[in-house]
Amino acid sequence: MNRGDLSDAEWAIIEALLPPERGRWARPAQDNRRFLNGMLFVLRAGCPWRDMHERYGKWNSVYVRFRRWAEQGVWDALLETLVELGLADDWQHMIDSTIVRGHSQAAGAKRGTHKEGFGRSRGGFTSKIHARADSHGRPLGFVLTSGETSDYAATPALLGMPVAKPKAMLADKGYDSDEVRASLLLKGILPVIPPKANRKESVSYDFKLYKDRNRIERMFNRLKQFRRIATRYDKTAVSFLKFLAIAAAKIWLPTFVNRT
């Protein structure tokens, strides 16, 4: 087993969640495990597909399978299944966002950079990853927008994710608004959000509980250990989001391995 590849225990968990592949035109299908390890290599190293190590097979075959499964919703279903099976603690969830720099080669998508989740800044193209995490800092889902988009724009999508309802929602003061607080309270969720300095009416919050919000910051740090996440090389939002789903699944796998 090479560095970064799936262990036998991890593969035993994930194998049944991937669709079987049949050979085409009388050619045998390659091993899903080897192909997935090739995708993880590209994700971790941040290299172009053409520079993928040859031990994982032909780069184009791995890329085609990645894109085909992306279009079929395999990566989203994989993450959703792992979350459903592993999410046992619904005490508190967290939402936050982080900005990633887009590589110059990521520009030029057919639909236009803005529709693919790119925004312009002084330093070039940027994208913003909005995420929701559980109380252990494990990712539950993502929303991708352009870098200059306000956190408010993605809040409804984050709160509307089909996961277990927590008792509390932790967020920084960037999410402090009457609308967000009311939306949480109507769902029976306690908002743990510090008030902004310019808020006219002071709002109390549980400071001790809020200290746990650092776990989603650590989650972003873990995600950015995958270089293809830390710097966006993908032209399309679909490809980047699917790489995020694979990275999130890799973060979830130790939860199941440690149970056995």
C-alpha atoms as a PDB file:
ATOM      1  CA  MET A   1       0.000   0.000   0.000  1.00  0.00           C
ATOM      2  CA  ASN A   2       1.377   3.387  -1.013  1.00  0.00           C
ATOM      3  CA  ARG A   3       1.154   6.589   0.965  1.00  0.00           C
ATOM      4  CA  GLY A   4      -2.350   8.062   0.847  1.00  0.00           C
ATOM      5  CA  ASP A   5      -3.995   4.908  -0.512  1.00  0.00           C
ATOM      6  CA  LEU A   6      -7.011   3.298   1.127  1.00  0.00           C
ATOM      7  CA  SER A   7      -6.187   0.700   3.748  1.00  0.00           C
ATOM      8  CA  ASP A   8      -7.812  -2.734   3.659  1.00  0.00           C
ATOM      9  CA  ALA A   9     -10.136  -1.707   6.496  1.00  0.00           C
ATOM     10  CA  GLU A  10     -11.166   1.490   4.711  1.00  0.00           C
ATOM     11  CA  TRP A  11     -11.742  -0.306   1.430  1.00  0.00           C
ATOM     12  CA  ALA A  12     -13.883  -2.929   3.143  1.00  0.00           C
ATOM     13  CA  ILE A  13     -16.219  -0.110   4.222  1.00  0.00           C
ATOM     14  CA  ILE A  14     -16.329   1.809   0.972  1.00  0.00           C
ATOM     15  CA  GLU A  15     -16.294  -1.041  -1.565  1.00  0.00           C
ATOM     16  CA  ALA A  16     -20.022  -1.786  -1.402  1.00  0.00           C
ATOM     17  CA  LEU A  17     -20.884   1.911  -1.774  1.00  0.00           C
ATOM     18  CA  LEU A  18     -19.334   2.189  -5.247  1.00  0.00           C
ATOM     19  CA  PRO A  19     -21.091   0.945  -8.392  1.00  0.00           C
ATOM     20  CA  PRO A  20     -19.633  -2.130 -10.122  1.00  0.00           C
ATOM     21  CA  GLU A  21     -17.918  -1.494 -13.436  1.00  0.00           C
ATOM     22  CA  ARG A  22     -18.324  -3.700 -16.493  1.00  0.00           C
ATOM     23  CA  GLY A  23     -15.775  -3.988 -19.244  1.00  0.00           C
ATOM     24  CA  ARG A  24     -16.634  -2.248 -22.520  1.00  0.00           C
ATOM     25  CA  TRP A  25     -15.954  -3.519 -26.026  1.00  0.00           C
ATOM     26  CA  ALA A  26     -14.669  -6.864 -24.725  1.00  0.00           C
ATOM     27  CA  ARG A  27     -12.163  -5.160 -22.403  1.00  0.00           C
ATOM     28  CA  PRO A  28     -12.172  -6.045 -18.693  1.00  0.00           C
ATOM     29  CA  ALA A  29     -13.074  -3.328 -16.207  1.00  0.00           C
ATOM     30  CA  GLN A  30     -10.248  -2.167 -13.985  1.00  0.00           C
ATOM     31  CA  ASP A  31     -10.300  -2.429 -10.212  1.00  0.00           C
ATOM     32  CA  ASN A  32     -12.387   0.249  -8.490  1.00  0.00           C
ATOM     33  CA  ARG A  33      -9.943   0.346  -5.594  1.00  0.00           C
ATOM     34  CA  ARG A  34      -6.964   1.148  -7.814  1.00  0.00           C
ATOM     35  CA  PHE A  35      -8.908   3.814  -9.674  1.00  0.00           C
ATOM     36  CA  LEU A  36     -10.131   5.412  -6.459  1.00  0.00           C
ATOM     37  CA  ASN A  37      -6.577   5.443  -5.104  1.00  0.00           C
ATOM     38  CA  GLY A  38      -5.568   7.221  -8.303  1.00  0.00           C
ATOM     39  CA  MET A  39      -8.225   9.864  -7.677  1.00  0.00           C
ATOM     40  CA  LEU A  40      -7.001  10.234  -4.092  1.00  0.00           C
ATOM     41  CA  PHE A  41      -3.454  10.694  -5.397  1.00  0.00           C
ATOM     42  CA  VAL A  42      -4.575  13.546  -7.670  1.00  0.00           C
ATOM     43  CA  LEU A  43      -6.626  15.008  -4.815  1.00  0.00           C
ATOM     44  CA  ARG A  44      -3.785  14.846  -2.305  1.00  0.00           C
ATOM     45  CA  ALA A  45      -0.925  15.914  -4.584  1.00  0.00           C
ATOM     46  CA  GLY A  46      -2.903  18.525  -6.518  1.00  0.00           C
ATOM     47  CA  CYS A  47      -1.261  17.417  -9.752  1.00  0.00           C
ATOM     48  CA  PRO A  48      -2.796  17.451 -13.236  1.00  0.00           C
ATOM     49  CA  TRP A  49      -4.543  14.243 -14.258  1.00  0.00           C
ATOM     50  CA  ARG A  50      -1.812  13.567 -16.805  1.00  0.00           C
ATOM     51  CA  ASP A  51       0.760  13.513 -14.003  1.00  0.00           C
ATOM     52  CA  MET A  52      -1.040  10.846 -11.995  1.00  0.00           C
ATOM     53  CA  HIS A  53       1.305   7.996 -11.060  1.00  0.00           C
ATOM     54  CA  GLU A  54       1.250   5.167 -13.570  1.00  0.00           C
ATOM     55  CA  ARG A  55       0.728   2.547 -10.852  1.00  0.00           C
ATOM     56  CA  TYR A  56      -2.950   3.551 -10.821  1.00  0.00           C
ATOM     57  CA  GLY A  57      -3.444   2.845 -14.512  1.00  0.00           C
ATOM     58  CA  LYS A  58      -4.096   5.160 -17.430  1.00  0.00           C
ATOM     59  CA  TRP A  59      -4.853   8.689 -16.270  1.00  0.00           C
ATOM     60  CA  ASN A  60      -7.601   9.165 -18.834  1.00  0.00           C
ATOM     61  CA  SER A  61      -9.440   6.034 -17.694  1.00  0.00           C
ATOM     62  CA  VAL A  62      -9.343   7.222 -14.070  1.00  0.00           C
ATOM     63  CA  TYR A  63     -10.524  10.706 -15.097  1.00  0.00           C
ATOM     64  CA  VAL A  64     -13.386   9.333 -17.194  1.00  0.00           C
ATOM     65  CA  ARG A  65     -14.606   7.206 -14.306  1.00  0.00           C
ATOM     66  CA  PHE A  66     -14.353  10.173 -11.921  1.00  0.00           C
ATOM     67  CA  ARG A  67     -16.436  12.371 -14.239  1.00  0.00           C
ATOM     68  CA  ARG A  68     -18.961   9.630 -15.001  1.00  0.00           C
ATOM     69  CA  TRP A  69     -19.541   8.940 -11.319  1.00  0.00           C
ATOM     70  CA  ALA A  70     -19.742  12.678 -10.687  1.00  0.00           C
ATOM     71  CA  GLU A  71     -22.527  13.015 -13.254  1.00  0.00           C
ATOM     72  CA  GLN A  72     -24.295   9.957 -11.827  1.00  0.00           C
ATOM     73  CA  GLY A  73     -24.222  11.376  -8.293  1.00  0.00           C
ATOM     74  CA  VAL A  74     -22.030   8.601  -6.898  1.00  0.00           C
ATOM     75  CA  TRP A  75     -19.775  10.908  -4.852  1.00  0.00           C
ATOM     76  CA  ASP A  76     -22.690  12.764  -3.285  1.00  0.00           C
ATOM     77  CA  ALA A  77     -24.405   9.476  -2.436  1.00  0.00           C
ATOM     78  CA  LEU A  78     -21.171   8.151  -0.927  1.00  0.00           C
ATOM     79  CA  LEU A  79     -20.842  11.094   1.439  1.00  0.00           C
ATOM     80  CA  GLU A  80     -24.538  11.075   2.327  1.00  0.00           C
ATOM     81  CA  THR A  81     -24.396   7.357   3.161  1.00  0.00           C
ATOM     82  CA  LEU A  82     -21.336   7.744   5.384  1.00  0.00           C
ATOM     83  CA  VAL A  83     -22.975  10.683   7.171  1.00  0.00           C
ATOM     84  CA  GLU A  84     -26.214   8.763   7.663  1.00  0.00           C
ATOM     85  CA  LEU A  85     -24.426   5.709   9.050  1.00  0.00           C
ATOM     86  CA  GLY A  86     -21.924   7.580  11.190  1.00  0.00           C
ATOM     87  CA  LEU A  87     -23.831  10.610  12.485  1.00  0.00           C
ATOM     88  CA  ALA A  88     -24.794   9.456  15.971  1.00  0.00           C
ATOM     89  CA  ASP A  89     -24.333  12.727  17.861  1.00  0.00           C
ATOM     90  CA  ASP A  90     -26.928  15.369  16.953  1.00  0.00           C
ATOM     91  CA  TRP A  91     -26.221  17.663  19.890  1.00  0.00           C
ATOM     92  CA  GLN A  92     -24.647  20.517  17.940  1.00  0.00           C
ATOM     93  CA  HIS A  93     -23.720  21.388  14.380  1.00  0.00           C
ATOM     94  CA  MET A  94     -21.557  24.201  13.024  1.00  0.00           C
ATOM     95  CA  ILE A  95     -21.516  26.274   9.846  1.00  0.00           C
ATOM     96  CA  ASP A  96     -18.689  28.354   8.453  1.00  0.00           C
ATOM     97  CA  SER A  97     -16.912  29.227   5.211  1.00  0.00           C
ATOM     98  CA  THR A  98     -13.408  29.478   3.846  1.00  0.00           C
ATOM     99  CA  ILE A  99     -11.934  31.012   0.711  1.00  0.00           C
ATOM    100  CA  VAL A 100      -9.673  29.120  -1.676  1.00  0.00           C
ATOM    101  CA  ARG A 101      -7.561  30.635  -4.422  1.00  0.00           C
ATOM    102  CA  GLY A 102      -8.340  29.570  -7.959  1.00  0.00           C
ATOM    103  CA  HIS A 103      -5.419  28.653 -10.206  1.00  0.00           C
ATOM    104  CA  SER A 104      -5.047  30.602 -13.434  1.00  0.00           C
ATOM    105  CA  GLN A 105      -5.552  27.380 -15.409  1.00  0.00           C
ATOM    106  CA  ALA A 106      -8.954  26.900 -13.777  1.00  0.00           C
ATOM    107  CA  ALA A 107     -10.423  29.786 -15.773  1.00  0.00           C
ATOM    108  CA  GLY A 108     -12.030  29.345 -19.150  1.00  0.00           C
ATOM    109  CA  ALA A 109     -15.037  27.128 -18.463  1.00  0.00           C
ATOM    110  CA  LYS A 110     -17.674  27.169 -21.199  1.00  0.00           C
ATOM    111  CA  ARG A 111     -20.428  28.561 -18.989  1.00  0.00           C
ATOM    112  CA  GLY A 112     -18.225  31.373 -17.667  1.00  0.00           C
ATOM    113  CA  THR A 113     -16.209  31.712 -14.487  1.00  0.00           C
ATOM    114  CA  HIS A 114     -19.000  33.272 -12.409  1.00  0.00           C
ATOM    115  CA  LYS A 115     -21.423  30.408 -13.041  1.00  0.00           C
ATOM    116  CA  GLU A 116     -18.722  27.940 -12.036  1.00  0.00           C
ATOM    117  CA  GLY A 117     -18.278  29.473  -8.588  1.00  0.00           C
ATOM    118  CA  PHE A 118     -15.416  31.856  -9.308  1.00  0.00           C
ATOM    119  CA  GLY A 119     -15.165  35.434  -8.117  1.00  0.00           C
ATOM    120  CA  ARG A 120     -12.598  38.099  -8.891  1.00  0.00           C
ATOM    121  CA  SER A 121     -10.361  39.746  -6.316  1.00  0.00           C
ATOM    122  CA  ARG A 122      -7.117  41.692  -6.397  1.00  0.00           C
ATOM    123  CA  GLY A 123      -5.199  38.453  -6.205  1.00  0.00           C
ATOM    124  CA  GLY A 124      -7.145  36.719  -8.976  1.00  0.00           C
ATOM    125  CA  PHE A 125      -9.935  34.152  -8.963  1.00  0.00           C
ATOM    126  CA  THR A 126     -11.346  32.918  -5.660  1.00  0.00           C
ATOM    127  CA  SER A 127     -14.080  30.509  -4.566  1.00  0.00           C
ATOM    128  CA  LYS A 128     -15.774  30.221  -1.200  1.00  0.00           C
ATOM    129  CA  ILE A 129     -16.540  26.858   0.394  1.00  0.00           C
ATOM    130  CA  HIS A 130     -19.502  26.970   2.772  1.00  0.00           C
ATOM    131  CA  ALA A 131     -19.671  23.913   5.015  1.00  0.00           C
ATOM    132  CA  ARG A 132     -21.724  22.319   7.734  1.00  0.00           C
ATOM    133  CA  ALA A 133     -20.067  20.031  10.279  1.00  0.00           C
ATOM    134  CA  ASP A 134     -21.179  17.894  13.192  1.00  0.00           C
ATOM    135  CA  SER A 135     -20.027  18.246  16.799  1.00  0.00           C
ATOM    136  CA  HIS A 136     -16.851  16.244  16.046  1.00  0.00           C
ATOM    137  CA  GLY A 137     -15.872  18.500  13.158  1.00  0.00           C
ATOM    138  CA  ARG A 138     -16.776  15.987  10.465  1.00  0.00           C
ATOM    139  CA  PRO A 139     -18.161  17.478   7.228  1.00  0.00           C
ATOM    140  CA  LEU A 140     -21.854  17.017   6.496  1.00  0.00           C
ATOM    141  CA  GLY A 141     -22.105  18.919   3.218  1.00  0.00           C
ATOM    142  CA  PHE A 142     -20.878  21.831   1.148  1.00  0.00           C
ATOM    143  CA  VAL A 143     -22.091  24.781  -0.886  1.00  0.00           C
ATOM    144  CA  LEU A 144     -19.783  26.471  -3.401  1.00  0.00           C
ATOM    145  CA  THR A 145     -20.033  30.151  -4.332  1.00  0.00           C
ATOM    146  CA  SER A 146     -17.791  32.859  -5.727  1.00  0.00           C
ATOM    147  CA  GLY A 147     -15.249  34.261  -3.308  1.00  0.00           C
ATOM    148  CA  GLU A 148     -16.960  37.607  -2.745  1.00  0.00           C
ATOM    149  CA  THR A 149     -20.367  36.083  -1.946  1.00  0.00           C
ATOM    150  CA  SER A 150     -21.731  36.834   1.513  1.00  0.00           C
ATOM    151  CA  ASP A 151     -22.112  33.973   3.980  1.00  0.00           C
ATOM    152  CA  TYR A 152     -25.829  34.797   4.184  1.00  0.00           C
ATOM    153  CA  ALA A 153     -26.360  33.650   0.588  1.00  0.00           C
ATOM    154  CA  ALA A 154     -25.458  30.053   1.404  1.00  0.00           C
ATOM    155  CA  THR A 155     -27.021  29.883   4.867  1.00  0.00           C
ATOM    156  CA  PRO A 156     -30.470  28.606   3.722  1.00  0.00           C
ATOM    157  CA  ALA A 157     -28.834  25.772   1.773  1.00  0.00           C
ATOM    158  CA  LEU A 158     -26.634  24.825   4.729  1.00  0.00           C
ATOM    159  CA  LEU A 159     -29.520  24.822   7.191  1.00  0.00           C
ATOM    160  CA  GLY A 160     -31.730  22.906   4.758  1.00  0.00           C
ATOM    161  CA  MET A 161     -29.403  19.935   4.364  1.00  0.00           C
ATOM    162  CA  PRO A 162     -31.159  16.572   4.910  1.00  0.00           C
ATOM    163  CA  VAL A 163     -29.309  15.577   8.092  1.00  0.00           C
ATOM    164  CA  ALA A 164     -30.383  14.971  11.664  1.00  0.00           C
ATOM    165  CA  LYS A 165     -31.636  18.107  13.394  1.00  0.00           C
ATOM    166  CA  PRO A 166     -29.231  19.282  16.115  1.00  0.00           C
ATOM    167  CA  LYS A 167     -30.176  20.969  19.358  1.00  0.00           C
ATOM    168  CA  ALA A 168     -27.759  23.866  18.769  1.00  0.00           C
ATOM    169  CA  MET A 169     -26.112  25.548  15.778  1.00  0.00           C
ATOM    170  CA  LEU A 170     -22.725  27.225  16.227  1.00  0.00           C
ATOM    171  CA  ALA A 171     -21.582  30.031  13.935  1.00  0.00           C
ATOM    172  CA  ASP A 172     -19.379  33.113  14.123  1.00  0.00           C
ATOM    173  CA  LYS A 173     -20.665  36.676  14.221  1.00  0.00           C
ATOM    174  CA  GLY A 174     -20.687  36.836  10.435  1.00  0.00           C
ATOM    175  CA  TYR A 175     -23.976  34.908  10.614  1.00  0.00           C
ATOM    176  CA  ASP A 176     -25.495  37.218  13.209  1.00  0.00           C
ATOM    177  CA  SER A 177     -28.821  38.357  11.796  1.00  0.00           C
ATOM    178  CA  ASP A 178     -32.408  38.288  13.008  1.00  0.00           C
ATOM    179  CA  GLU A 179     -33.383  36.240   9.959  1.00  0.00           C
ATOM    180  CA  VAL A 180     -30.864  33.466  10.666  1.00  0.00           C
ATOM    181  CA  ARG A 181     -31.732  33.373  14.358  1.00  0.00           C
ATOM    182  CA  ALA A 182     -35.463  33.238  13.663  1.00  0.00           C
ATOM    183  CA  SER A 183     -35.001  30.474  11.092  1.00  0.00           C
ATOM    184  CA  LEU A 184     -33.113  28.351  13.619  1.00  0.00           C
ATOM    185  CA  LEU A 185     -35.556  28.974  16.457  1.00  0.00           C
ATOM    186  CA  LEU A 186     -38.525  28.050  14.262  1.00  0.00           C
ATOM    187  CA  LYS A 187     -36.844  24.693  13.655  1.00  0.00           C
ATOM    188  CA  GLY A 188     -36.281  24.167  17.370  1.00  0.00           C
ATOM    189  CA  ILE A 189     -32.517  24.785  17.125  1.00  0.00           C
ATOM    190  CA  LEU A 190     -30.687  27.004  19.595  1.00  0.00           C
ATOM    191  CA  PRO A 191     -28.539  29.628  17.773  1.00  0.00           C
ATOM    192  CA  VAL A 192     -25.121  29.982  19.398  1.00  0.00           C
ATOM    193  CA  ILE A 193     -23.915  33.054  17.533  1.00  0.00           C
ATOM    194  CA  PRO A 194     -22.065  36.005  19.091  1.00  0.00           C
ATOM    195  CA  PRO A 195     -23.624  39.393  18.286  1.00  0.00           C
ATOM    196  CA  LYS A 196     -21.949  41.896  15.991  1.00  0.00           C
ATOM    197  CA  ALA A 197     -20.429  44.995  17.534  1.00  0.00           C
ATOM    198  CA  ASN A 198     -22.901  47.252  15.710  1.00  0.00           C
ATOM    199  CA  ARG A 199     -26.013  45.348  16.809  1.00  0.00           C
ATOM    200  CA  LYS A 200     -28.481  47.740  18.436  1.00  0.00           C
ATOM    201  CA  GLU A 201     -30.011  45.185  20.780  1.00  0.00           C
ATOM    202  CA  SER A 202     -27.630  42.909  22.641  1.00  0.00           C
ATOM    203  CA  VAL A 203     -28.171  39.160  22.277  1.00  0.00           C
ATOM    204  CA  SER A 204     -26.886  36.613  24.782  1.00  0.00           C
ATOM    205  CA  TYR A 205     -25.246  33.358  23.759  1.00  0.00           C
ATOM    206  CA  ASP A 206     -23.584  30.395  25.445  1.00  0.00           C
ATOM    207  CA  PHE A 207     -19.884  31.279  25.376  1.00  0.00           C
ATOM    208  CA  LYS A 208     -18.745  27.899  26.737  1.00  0.00           C
ATOM    209  CA  LEU A 209     -20.669  26.106  24.014  1.00  0.00           C
ATOM    210  CA  TYR A 210     -19.335  28.484  21.385  1.00  0.00           C
ATOM    211  CA  LYS A 211     -15.760  27.421  22.173  1.00  0.00           C
ATOM    212  CA  ASP A 212     -16.416  24.168  20.316  1.00  0.00           C
ATOM    213  CA  ARG A 213     -16.736  26.089  17.037  1.00  0.00           C
ATOM    214  CA  ASN A 214     -13.002  25.737  16.503  1.00  0.00           C
ATOM    215  CA  ARG A 215     -13.696  22.185  15.354  1.00  0.00           C
ATOM    216  CA  ILE A 216     -15.039  23.346  12.005  1.00  0.00           C
ATOM    217  CA  GLU A 217     -11.939  25.494  11.567  1.00  0.00           C
ATOM    218  CA  ARG A 218      -9.838  22.382  12.136  1.00  0.00           C
ATOM    219  CA  MET A 219     -12.029  20.556   9.622  1.00  0.00           C
ATOM    220  CA  PHE A 220     -11.181  23.145   6.961  1.00  0.00           C
ATOM    221  CA  ASN A 221      -7.531  22.675   7.826  1.00  0.00           C
ATOM    222  CA  ARG A 222      -7.852  18.936   7.278  1.00  0.00           C
ATOM    223  CA  LEU A 223      -9.628  19.480   3.971  1.00  0.00           C
ATOM    224  CA  LYS A 224      -6.871  21.797   2.788  1.00  0.00           C
ATOM    225  CA  GLN A 225      -4.279  19.113   3.453  1.00  0.00           C
ATOM    226  CA  PHE A 226      -5.578  17.870   0.100  1.00  0.00           C
ATOM    227  CA  ARG A 227      -3.792  20.253  -2.234  1.00  0.00           C
ATOM    228  CA  ARG A 228      -6.479  20.106  -4.889  1.00  0.00           C
ATOM    229  CA  ILE A 229      -8.833  21.615  -2.299  1.00  0.00           C
ATOM    230  CA  ALA A 230      -6.389  24.221  -0.931  1.00  0.00           C
ATOM    231  CA  THR A 231      -5.931  25.530  -4.486  1.00  0.00           C
ATOM    232  CA  ARG A 232      -8.737  25.114  -6.980  1.00  0.00           C
ATOM    233  CA  TYR A 233      -7.489  23.693 -10.272  1.00  0.00           C
ATOM    234  CA  ASP A 234     -10.857  22.493 -11.599  1.00  0.00           C
ATOM    235  CA  LYS A 235     -12.646  24.586 -14.189  1.00  0.00           C
ATOM    236  CA  THR A 236     -16.115  23.339 -13.308  1.00  0.00           C
ATOM    237  CA  ALA A 237     -17.913  23.602  -9.996  1.00  0.00           C
ATOM    238  CA  VAL A 238     -19.108  20.010 -10.388  1.00  0.00           C
ATOM    239  CA  SER A 239     -15.590  18.571 -10.408  1.00  0.00           C
ATOM    240  CA  PHE A 240     -14.446  20.697  -7.478  1.00  0.00           C
ATOM    241  CA  LEU A 241     -17.504  19.802  -5.387  1.00  0.00           C
ATOM    242  CA  LYS A 242     -17.021  16.096  -6.107  1.00  0.00           C
ATOM    243  CA  PHE A 243     -13.399  16.297  -4.999  1.00  0.00           C
ATOM    244  CA  LEU A 244     -14.694  17.934  -1.826  1.00  0.00           C
ATOM    245  CA  ALA A 245     -17.071  14.990  -1.339  1.00  0.00           C
ATOM    246  CA  ILE A 246     -14.208  12.486  -1.768  1.00  0.00           C
ATOM    247  CA  ALA A 247     -12.034  14.418   0.712  1.00  0.00           C
ATOM    248  CA  ALA A 248     -14.935  14.518   3.175  1.00  0.00           C
ATOM    249  CA  ALA A 249     -15.492  10.771   2.786  1.00  0.00           C
ATOM    250  CA  LYS A 250     -11.795  10.183   3.538  1.00  0.00           C
ATOM    251  CA  ILE A 251     -12.207  12.203   6.742  1.00  0.00           C
ATOM    252  CA  TRP A 252     -15.244  10.109   7.727  1.00  0.00           C
ATOM    253  CA  LEU A 253     -13.657   6.693   7.127  1.00  0.00           C
ATOM    254  CA  PRO A 254     -11.602   6.553  10.369  1.00  0.00           C
ATOM    255  CA  THR A 255     -14.887   6.849  12.280  1.00  0.00           C
ATOM    256  CA  PHE A 256     -15.934   3.420  10.981  1.00  0.00           C
ATOM    257  CA  VAL A 257     -12.470   1.851  11.075  1.00  0.00           C
ATOM    258  CA  ASN A 258     -12.034   2.736  14.740  1.00  0.00           C
ATOM    259  CA  ARG A 259     -15.354   1.078  15.602  1.00  0.00           C
ATOM    260  CA  THR A 260     -14.151  -2.358  14.527  1.00  0.00           C
END
